[in-house]
Amino acid sequence: PSLGRDAVYNVTGKICKLPPYLLAQFVRFYWRQDTKAKAKVCRNVFFPTTLDLIEYVTDDLKGPIDLKQSERRLKYMEANPVWDDPN
C-alpha cells in the first residue's frame, strides 16, 4: 500500500530453528578505494570456532540452547578444574 510519502520500515525477525551445522564463508578481501580494485588481506586472520546466536532466536528456542550450554560448561569445568580439590 502506498502512503503517499516516504516511510521507513523496520523489520525484525527471530530464528525459530537452527541447523546442526552452519557453514559460513569468511572473505579475506576488501575494496581499496585508491586503486579501485579488490585486495587480499595478507596478514593472519583468526575467526572464532563458535558462534553464539542466543540473542537472535525465539524465546521457545532459548530454553533448550541455555540448557545445552550449561551442560557443556559443566562438562568442561569437570574436565578442566580451576583448582585441585583436596577431598
N, C-alpha and C. Protein backbone atom coordinates (compact mmCIF):
# COMPACT_ATOMS: atom_id res chain seq x y z
N PRO A 1 0.83 -1.19 0.00
CA PRO A 1 0.00 0.00 0.00
C PRO A 1 0.87 1.25 0.00
N SER A 2 0.41 2.23 -0.71
CA SER A 2 1.16 3.47 -0.83
C SER A 2 0.67 4.46 0.23
N LEU A 3 1.62 5.07 0.92
CA LEU A 3 1.28 6.05 1.94
C LEU A 3 1.26 7.46 1.37
N GLY A 4 1.72 7.60 0.14
CA GLY A 4 1.79 8.91 -0.45
C GLY A 4 2.96 9.73 0.07
N ARG A 5 3.88 9.07 0.77
CA ARG A 5 5.06 9.74 1.31
C ARG A 5 6.15 8.70 1.53
N ASP A 6 7.36 9.16 1.77
CA ASP A 6 8.45 8.24 2.09
C ASP A 6 8.27 7.74 3.51
N ALA A 7 8.48 6.45 3.71
CA ALA A 7 8.34 5.86 5.04
C ALA A 7 9.53 4.95 5.30
N VAL A 8 9.91 4.86 6.56
CA VAL A 8 10.98 3.97 6.97
C VAL A 8 10.35 2.75 7.62
N TYR A 9 10.71 1.58 7.13
CA TYR A 9 10.20 0.33 7.69
C TYR A 9 11.32 -0.37 8.42
N ASN A 10 11.06 -0.78 9.62
CA ASN A 10 12.00 -1.58 10.39
C ASN A 10 11.39 -2.96 10.55
N VAL A 11 12.07 -3.96 10.04
CA VAL A 11 11.60 -5.33 10.13
C VAL A 11 12.59 -6.11 10.97
N THR A 12 12.10 -6.79 11.98
CA THR A 12 12.94 -7.64 12.80
C THR A 12 12.38 -9.05 12.77
N GLY A 13 13.24 -10.00 12.91
CA GLY A 13 12.81 -11.39 12.91
C GLY A 13 13.65 -12.20 13.87
N LYS A 14 13.15 -13.34 14.23
CA LYS A 14 13.86 -14.24 15.13
C LYS A 14 13.99 -15.60 14.45
N ILE A 15 15.04 -16.31 14.76
CA ILE A 15 15.28 -17.64 14.22
C ILE A 15 14.53 -18.64 15.08
N CYS A 16 13.73 -19.50 14.45
CA CYS A 16 12.95 -20.47 15.23
C CYS A 16 13.52 -21.89 15.14
N LYS A 17 14.51 -22.12 14.28
CA LYS A 17 15.12 -23.45 14.17
C LYS A 17 16.56 -23.27 13.69
N LEU A 18 17.49 -23.95 14.34
CA LEU A 18 18.89 -23.88 13.96
C LEU A 18 19.34 -25.19 13.35
N PRO A 19 20.16 -25.16 12.32
CA PRO A 19 20.68 -26.39 11.74
C PRO A 19 21.76 -26.98 12.65
N PRO A 20 22.03 -28.27 12.55
CA PRO A 20 23.09 -28.85 13.38
C PRO A 20 24.47 -28.28 13.02
N TYR A 21 24.66 -27.94 11.76
CA TYR A 21 25.91 -27.34 11.31
C TYR A 21 25.57 -26.12 10.46
N LEU A 22 26.33 -25.06 10.65
CA LEU A 22 26.15 -23.84 9.88
C LEU A 22 27.45 -23.55 9.16
N LEU A 23 27.39 -23.55 7.84
CA LEU A 23 28.57 -23.26 7.05
C LEU A 23 28.63 -21.76 6.78
N ALA A 24 29.78 -21.19 7.00
CA ALA A 24 29.97 -19.77 6.76
C ALA A 24 31.26 -19.57 6.00
N GLN A 25 31.21 -18.71 5.02
CA GLN A 25 32.40 -18.40 4.24
C GLN A 25 32.86 -17.00 4.62
N PHE A 26 34.05 -16.91 5.14
CA PHE A 26 34.62 -15.63 5.53
C PHE A 26 35.54 -15.14 4.41
N VAL A 27 35.32 -13.94 3.98
CA VAL A 27 36.08 -13.39 2.87
C VAL A 27 37.26 -12.60 3.40
N ARG A 28 38.43 -12.87 2.84
CA ARG A 28 39.63 -12.17 3.26
C ARG A 28 40.06 -11.13 2.23
N PHE A 29 39.09 -10.52 1.58
CA PHE A 29 39.37 -9.49 0.59
C PHE A 29 38.64 -8.22 0.97
N TYR A 30 39.12 -7.10 0.50
CA TYR A 30 38.46 -5.83 0.74
C TYR A 30 38.65 -4.94 -0.48
N TRP A 31 37.86 -3.91 -0.57
CA TRP A 31 37.92 -2.99 -1.70
C TRP A 31 38.82 -1.82 -1.37
N ARG A 32 39.85 -1.62 -2.19
CA ARG A 32 40.77 -0.50 -2.00
C ARG A 32 40.26 0.69 -2.79
N GLN A 33 39.99 1.77 -2.10
CA GLN A 33 39.47 2.97 -2.75
C GLN A 33 40.51 3.62 -3.66
N ASP A 34 41.78 3.58 -3.24
CA ASP A 34 42.81 4.28 -4.01
C ASP A 34 43.08 3.63 -5.37
N THR A 35 43.04 2.29 -5.42
CA THR A 35 43.30 1.61 -6.69
C THR A 35 42.02 1.14 -7.37
N LYS A 36 40.90 1.29 -6.69
CA LYS A 36 39.60 0.83 -7.22
C LYS A 36 39.66 -0.65 -7.61
N ALA A 37 40.26 -1.43 -6.73
CA ALA A 37 40.41 -2.87 -7.00
C ALA A 37 40.27 -3.65 -5.71
N LYS A 38 39.95 -4.94 -5.89
CA LYS A 38 39.86 -5.84 -4.75
C LYS A 38 41.27 -6.22 -4.32
N ALA A 39 41.53 -6.25 -3.01
CA ALA A 39 42.85 -6.60 -2.50
C ALA A 39 42.70 -7.65 -1.41
N LYS A 40 43.66 -8.55 -1.36
CA LYS A 40 43.64 -9.62 -0.36
C LYS A 40 44.27 -9.13 0.94
N VAL A 41 43.69 -9.52 2.06
CA VAL A 41 44.27 -9.24 3.36
C VAL A 41 45.43 -10.22 3.54
N CYS A 42 46.64 -9.71 3.67
CA CYS A 42 47.83 -10.56 3.69
C CYS A 42 48.30 -10.92 5.10
N ARG A 43 47.60 -10.48 6.11
CA ARG A 43 48.01 -10.84 7.47
C ARG A 43 47.13 -11.99 7.95
N ASN A 44 47.56 -12.63 9.02
CA ASN A 44 46.78 -13.72 9.59
C ASN A 44 45.45 -13.21 10.10
N VAL A 45 44.40 -13.93 9.77
CA VAL A 45 43.06 -13.59 10.21
C VAL A 45 42.53 -14.76 11.02
N PHE A 46 42.10 -14.51 12.24
CA PHE A 46 41.59 -15.56 13.11
C PHE A 46 40.09 -15.37 13.29
N PHE A 47 39.35 -16.45 13.15
CA PHE A 47 37.91 -16.44 13.32
C PHE A 47 37.55 -17.33 14.49
N PRO A 48 36.53 -16.98 15.26
CA PRO A 48 36.13 -17.83 16.38
C PRO A 48 35.58 -19.17 15.87
N THR A 49 35.72 -20.21 16.68
CA THR A 49 35.23 -21.52 16.28
C THR A 49 33.79 -21.75 16.72
N THR A 50 33.26 -20.88 17.56
CA THR A 50 31.86 -20.99 17.98
C THR A 50 31.13 -19.70 17.66
N LEU A 51 29.84 -19.83 17.46
CA LEU A 51 29.00 -18.69 17.14
C LEU A 51 27.79 -18.72 18.06
N ASP A 52 27.65 -17.73 18.91
CA ASP A 52 26.54 -17.67 19.86
C ASP A 52 25.38 -16.90 19.23
N LEU A 53 24.30 -17.59 18.92
CA LEU A 53 23.13 -16.98 18.28
C LEU A 53 21.96 -16.78 19.24
N ILE A 54 22.21 -16.85 20.54
CA ILE A 54 21.13 -16.81 21.53
C ILE A 54 20.29 -15.54 21.42
N GLU A 55 20.89 -14.41 21.08
CA GLU A 55 20.11 -13.17 21.01
C GLU A 55 19.26 -13.09 19.75
N TYR A 56 19.44 -14.02 18.81
CA TYR A 56 18.71 -13.97 17.55
C TYR A 56 17.60 -15.03 17.45
N VAL A 57 17.46 -15.86 18.46
CA VAL A 57 16.47 -16.94 18.40
C VAL A 57 15.22 -16.59 19.19
N THR A 58 14.14 -17.33 18.91
CA THR A 58 12.88 -17.11 19.60
C THR A 58 13.00 -17.56 21.06
N ASP A 59 12.08 -17.10 21.88
CA ASP A 59 12.09 -17.47 23.30
C ASP A 59 11.91 -18.98 23.48
N ASP A 60 11.13 -19.62 22.61
CA ASP A 60 10.94 -21.07 22.70
C ASP A 60 12.24 -21.83 22.49
N LEU A 61 13.12 -21.29 21.68
CA LEU A 61 14.39 -21.96 21.38
C LEU A 61 15.48 -21.62 22.38
N LYS A 62 15.32 -20.52 23.11
CA LYS A 62 16.35 -20.11 24.08
C LYS A 62 16.49 -21.12 25.22
N GLY A 63 15.39 -21.70 25.68
CA GLY A 63 15.45 -22.66 26.79
C GLY A 63 16.35 -23.84 26.49
N PRO A 64 16.11 -24.57 25.39
CA PRO A 64 16.98 -25.71 25.07
C PRO A 64 18.43 -25.31 24.83
N ILE A 65 18.66 -24.15 24.24
CA ILE A 65 20.03 -23.71 23.99
C ILE A 65 20.73 -23.41 25.30
N ASP A 66 20.05 -22.71 26.22
CA ASP A 66 20.64 -22.42 27.53
C ASP A 66 20.97 -23.70 28.29
N LEU A 67 20.07 -24.68 28.21
CA LEU A 67 20.30 -25.96 28.88
C LEU A 67 21.52 -26.66 28.31
N LYS A 68 21.63 -26.70 26.99
CA LYS A 68 22.76 -27.36 26.34
C LYS A 68 24.07 -26.64 26.67
N GLN A 69 24.04 -25.30 26.69
CA GLN A 69 25.24 -24.54 27.04
C GLN A 69 25.67 -24.81 28.48
N SER A 70 24.69 -24.92 29.38
CA SER A 70 25.01 -25.21 30.78
C SER A 70 25.64 -26.59 30.92
N GLU A 71 25.10 -27.57 30.18
CA GLU A 71 25.66 -28.92 30.22
C GLU A 71 27.10 -28.93 29.70
N ARG A 72 27.34 -28.24 28.61
CA ARG A 72 28.69 -28.18 28.04
C ARG A 72 29.66 -27.46 28.99
N ARG A 73 29.19 -26.38 29.61
CA ARG A 73 30.03 -25.63 30.54
C ARG A 73 30.39 -26.51 31.74
N LEU A 74 29.42 -27.25 32.28
CA LEU A 74 29.67 -28.13 33.42
C LEU A 74 30.66 -29.23 33.04
N LYS A 75 30.47 -29.83 31.87
CA LYS A 75 31.37 -30.88 31.41
C LYS A 75 32.79 -30.34 31.24
N TYR A 76 32.90 -29.14 30.70
CA TYR A 76 34.22 -28.53 30.53
C TYR A 76 34.87 -28.25 31.89
N MET A 77 34.09 -27.71 32.82
CA MET A 77 34.64 -27.39 34.14
C MET A 77 35.07 -28.65 34.89
N GLU A 78 34.34 -29.75 34.70
CA GLU A 78 34.74 -31.00 35.35
C GLU A 78 36.04 -31.54 34.75
N ALA A 79 36.21 -31.38 33.44
CA ALA A 79 37.41 -31.86 32.78
C ALA A 79 38.61 -30.93 32.99
N ASN A 80 38.34 -29.66 33.26
CA ASN A 80 39.41 -28.67 33.42
C ASN A 80 39.20 -27.89 34.72
N PRO A 81 39.44 -28.51 35.86
CA PRO A 81 39.21 -27.81 37.12
C PRO A 81 40.17 -26.64 37.30
N VAL A 82 39.65 -25.59 37.93
CA VAL A 82 40.45 -24.41 38.16
C VAL A 82 41.44 -24.65 39.30
N TRP A 83 41.02 -25.43 40.25
CA TRP A 83 41.89 -25.77 41.36
C TRP A 83 41.68 -27.24 41.71
N ASP A 84 42.64 -27.81 42.39
CA ASP A 84 42.54 -29.20 42.80
C ASP A 84 41.76 -29.30 44.09
N ASP A 85 40.80 -30.18 44.11
CA ASP A 85 40.00 -30.41 45.32
C ASP A 85 40.76 -31.40 46.20
N PRO A 86 41.12 -30.99 47.44
CA PRO A 86 41.91 -31.87 48.32
C PRO A 86 41.13 -33.09 48.79
N ASN A 87 39.79 -33.09 48.66
CA ASN A 87 38.99 -34.23 49.15
C ASN A 87 38.97 -35.36 48.19
